[in-house]
Amino acid sequence: MKRFTQYLSFLALATLFAALQLFTICQPTEKNSYEYIKKDSTNPVYSRTDTSKVDISNEEWKKVLPDDIYYIARMKGTERPGTSPFEHSKEVGTYYCAACGNALFKSDTKFESGCGWPSFYAPISKTSIIYLPDHSHGMNRTEVECGRCKAHLGHVFEDGPPPTGLRYCINGVVLDFEKAKEAETQYNEKKKKGE
């Protein structure tokens, strides 16, 4: 019983330490922000049109990603619940991977789950997401990663709405969003230019 109590104490302290570390990492600084603009970024792999796989080292990722995106995407972190501006967003458009620009979810698959993170019931395509078993923290879950760059996105659970019954619980930090009208305007401009 004494060992069990020591284990619980250790687990509580480790959880508190991890929470404090996350709180510190996900505070806005000059190098991390939800306003991370990819067009002006030094991130050479960010593209909404290139579908080739991205395989670069974490050292290279650390140079091109803001701290909060790096922490979630490469270190498999989790943002604090209720902190993502995307959680309650009703904007119409497409959600992309903030690390590489891969299309992940359409806004019409987004729903209010009440879990504290943006939730979706289906990815944009079968190849946009990778599924991995996750047994961390004494739980059996399914981790989801970006299908292009393997950035950690969050987890998928079987308690979502129809038609899939799935809930993709995604860290908003690793999402980039483009409104539908902006995307349509850009598409039409490219079409006029013959691109």
Protein backbone atom coordinates (compact mmCIF):
# COMPACT_ATOMS: atom_id res chain seq x y z
CA MET A 1 0.00 0.00 0.00
CA LYS A 2 2.89 2.34 0.80
CA ARG A 3 4.41 1.77 -2.65
CA PHE A 4 1.05 2.48 -4.28
CA THR A 5 0.74 5.75 -2.33
CA GLN A 6 4.28 6.71 -3.35
CA TYR A 7 3.44 5.90 -6.97
CA LEU A 8 0.31 8.07 -6.85
CA SER A 9 2.29 10.93 -5.29
CA PHE A 10 4.94 10.65 -7.99
CA LEU A 11 2.28 10.54 -10.71
CA ALA A 12 0.57 13.64 -9.29
CA LEU A 13 3.87 15.55 -9.16
CA ALA A 14 4.80 14.48 -12.69
CA THR A 15 1.38 15.60 -13.96
CA LEU A 16 1.72 18.95 -12.21
CA PHE A 17 5.22 19.44 -13.62
CA ALA A 18 4.02 18.61 -17.15
CA ALA A 19 1.07 21.00 -16.81
CA LEU A 20 3.35 23.83 -15.65
CA GLN A 21 5.76 23.14 -18.50
CA LEU A 22 2.93 23.21 -21.03
CA PHE A 23 1.53 26.41 -19.55
CA THR A 24 4.95 28.05 -19.94
CA ILE A 25 5.51 26.79 -23.49
CA CYS A 26 2.07 27.76 -24.77
CA GLN A 27 2.22 31.36 -23.52
CA PRO A 28 2.48 33.88 -26.39
CA THR A 29 6.04 34.97 -27.15
CA GLU A 30 7.71 36.48 -30.17
CA LYS A 31 8.25 32.99 -31.60
CA ASN A 32 4.85 31.45 -30.89
CA SER A 33 1.40 32.66 -31.73
CA TYR A 34 -1.89 31.64 -33.28
CA GLU A 35 -1.13 34.44 -35.76
CA TYR A 36 1.78 32.46 -37.24
CA ILE A 37 1.77 33.51 -40.91
CA LYS A 38 3.15 30.80 -43.18
CA LYS A 39 3.51 33.03 -46.24
CA ASP A 40 6.19 35.10 -44.48
CA SER A 41 7.67 32.12 -42.65
CA THR A 42 11.06 30.55 -43.13
CA ASN A 43 9.34 27.14 -43.15
CA PRO A 44 10.47 25.63 -46.49
CA VAL A 45 8.04 22.68 -46.34
CA TYR A 46 4.79 24.61 -45.75
CA SER A 47 2.57 24.22 -48.81
CA ARG A 48 -1.15 23.79 -49.33
CA THR A 49 -0.58 22.22 -52.75
CA ASP A 50 2.47 19.96 -52.34
CA THR A 51 1.37 16.51 -51.19
CA SER A 52 4.83 14.88 -51.07
CA LYS A 53 5.84 13.41 -47.70
CA VAL A 54 7.96 15.59 -45.42
CA ASP A 55 10.79 13.89 -43.55
CA ILE A 56 13.06 16.33 -41.76
CA SER A 57 14.72 16.10 -38.34
CA ASN A 58 13.29 17.62 -35.18
CA GLU A 59 16.30 19.96 -35.13
CA GLU A 60 15.24 21.32 -38.53
CA TRP A 61 11.61 21.59 -37.38
CA LYS A 62 12.71 23.54 -34.30
CA LYS A 63 14.34 26.14 -36.57
CA VAL A 64 11.21 26.76 -38.65
CA LEU A 65 8.26 26.31 -36.26
CA PRO A 66 7.08 28.61 -33.49
CA ASP A 67 7.65 27.12 -30.02
CA ASP A 68 3.99 26.26 -29.35
CA ILE A 69 3.52 24.49 -32.70
CA TYR A 70 6.83 22.64 -32.27
CA TYR A 71 5.85 21.49 -28.77
CA ILE A 72 2.53 20.01 -29.93
CA ALA A 73 3.55 18.76 -33.39
CA ARG A 74 6.98 17.31 -32.65
CA MET A 75 6.98 16.68 -28.88
CA LYS A 76 3.42 15.27 -28.82
CA GLY A 77 2.27 17.92 -26.38
CA THR A 78 -1.27 19.02 -25.58
CA GLU A 79 -2.56 22.57 -25.37
CA ARG A 80 -4.63 23.60 -22.37
CA PRO A 81 -8.35 22.89 -22.91
CA GLY A 82 -10.49 25.87 -23.86
CA THR A 83 -7.57 27.94 -25.20
CA SER A 84 -7.98 27.43 -28.95
CA PRO A 85 -9.80 30.15 -30.91
CA PHE A 86 -10.90 27.34 -33.26
CA GLU A 87 -12.83 25.45 -30.57
CA HIS A 88 -16.06 27.44 -31.00
CA SER A 89 -15.39 28.88 -34.46
CA LYS A 90 -18.27 28.67 -36.93
CA GLU A 91 -16.26 29.97 -39.92
CA VAL A 92 -16.65 28.04 -43.18
CA GLY A 93 -13.44 26.82 -44.76
CA THR A 94 -10.62 24.32 -44.52
CA TYR A 95 -8.31 23.40 -41.64
CA TYR A 96 -4.69 22.65 -42.53
CA CYS A 97 -1.65 21.32 -40.66
CA ALA A 98 0.15 24.37 -39.23
CA ALA A 99 3.50 22.61 -39.67
CA CYS A 100 3.32 21.60 -43.35
CA GLY A 101 0.08 22.94 -44.89
CA ASN A 102 -1.56 19.55 -45.48
CA ALA A 103 -5.37 19.75 -45.74
CA LEU A 104 -6.88 17.97 -42.72
CA PHE A 105 -10.55 18.84 -42.12
CA LYS A 106 -13.43 20.74 -43.73
CA SER A 107 -15.40 23.02 -41.43
CA ASP A 108 -18.65 21.18 -42.22
CA THR A 109 -17.29 18.16 -40.27
CA LYS A 110 -16.59 20.30 -37.18
CA PHE A 111 -18.93 20.02 -34.19
CA GLU A 112 -19.25 21.24 -30.60
CA SER A 113 -18.14 18.32 -28.43
CA GLY A 114 -17.64 20.22 -25.18
CA CYS A 115 -14.26 18.53 -24.65
CA GLY A 116 -12.20 21.74 -24.71
CA TRP A 117 -10.54 21.23 -28.11
CA PRO A 118 -11.70 21.63 -31.72
CA SER A 119 -13.54 18.45 -32.73
CA PHE A 120 -14.31 16.94 -36.15
CA TYR A 121 -16.12 13.76 -37.17
CA ALA A 122 -14.17 13.03 -40.39
CA PRO A 123 -10.86 13.97 -42.02
CA ILE A 124 -10.76 15.57 -45.47
CA SER A 125 -9.35 12.35 -47.02
CA LYS A 126 -8.16 8.89 -46.03
CA THR A 127 -4.52 9.90 -46.54
CA SER A 128 -4.64 13.20 -44.63
CA ILE A 129 -4.40 11.43 -41.24
CA ILE A 130 -2.18 8.65 -39.83
CA TYR A 131 -3.48 6.52 -36.95
CA LEU A 132 -1.19 5.16 -34.22
CA PRO A 133 -1.85 3.27 -30.96
CA ASP A 134 -1.09 5.44 -27.92
CA HIS A 135 -0.69 3.78 -24.51
CA SER A 136 0.77 6.81 -22.72
CA HIS A 137 -0.50 8.01 -19.34
CA GLY A 138 -1.96 4.55 -18.63
CA MET A 139 -4.65 4.93 -21.32
CA ASN A 140 -5.41 3.10 -24.55
CA ARG A 141 -6.09 5.72 -27.22
CA THR A 142 -5.58 6.26 -30.93
CA GLU A 143 -3.23 9.11 -31.78
CA VAL A 144 -3.70 11.00 -35.03
CA GLU A 145 -0.84 12.54 -36.98
CA CYS A 146 -0.65 14.59 -40.15
CA GLY A 147 -0.46 12.29 -43.15
CA ARG A 148 2.19 14.46 -44.80
CA CYS A 149 4.65 15.46 -42.04
CA LYS A 150 3.66 13.18 -39.12
CA ALA A 151 2.94 16.12 -36.82
CA HIS A 152 1.04 15.10 -33.69
CA LEU A 153 -2.51 16.48 -34.00
CA GLY A 154 -4.41 14.87 -31.13
CA HIS A 155 -6.53 11.73 -30.72
CA VAL A 156 -9.61 10.12 -32.21
CA PHE A 157 -12.37 8.65 -30.05
CA GLU A 158 -15.48 6.58 -30.83
CA ASP A 159 -17.98 8.93 -29.18
CA GLY A 160 -18.67 11.35 -32.04
CA PRO A 161 -21.84 12.14 -33.96
CA PRO A 162 -23.20 10.44 -37.09
CA PRO A 163 -22.36 9.63 -39.77
CA THR A 164 -18.97 8.34 -38.54
CA GLY A 165 -19.44 8.14 -34.77
CA LEU A 166 -15.88 9.46 -34.43
CA ARG A 167 -14.52 12.50 -32.59
CA TYR A 168 -11.18 13.79 -33.78
CA CYS A 169 -10.04 15.83 -30.77
CA ILE A 170 -7.40 18.16 -32.26
CA ASN A 171 -5.00 20.66 -30.71
CA GLY A 172 -5.91 24.04 -32.20
CA VAL A 173 -2.26 25.13 -32.09
CA VAL A 174 -1.42 22.73 -34.93
CA LEU A 175 -4.31 23.91 -37.10
CA ASP A 176 -4.16 26.60 -39.76
CA PHE A 177 -7.45 27.82 -41.22
CA GLU A 178 -8.48 29.39 -44.50
CA LYS A 179 -11.96 30.80 -44.99
CA ALA A 180 -13.86 29.33 -47.93
CA LYS A 181 -14.33 32.67 -49.73
CA GLU A 182 -10.60 33.41 -49.53
CA ALA A 183 -9.79 30.00 -50.97
CA GLU A 184 -12.33 30.44 -53.77
CA THR A 185 -10.98 33.91 -54.61
CA GLN A 186 -7.41 32.60 -54.74
CA TYR A 187 -8.51 29.67 -56.92
CA ASN A 188 -10.30 31.98 -59.36
CA GLU A 189 -7.28 34.32 -59.53
CA LYS A 190 -4.97 31.40 -60.32
CA LYS A 191 -7.42 30.14 -62.95
CA LYS A 192 -7.48 33.57 -64.63
CA LYS A 193 -3.68 33.63 -64.70
CA GLY A 194 -3.60 30.14 -66.20
CA GLU A 195 -1.66 28.60 -63.30
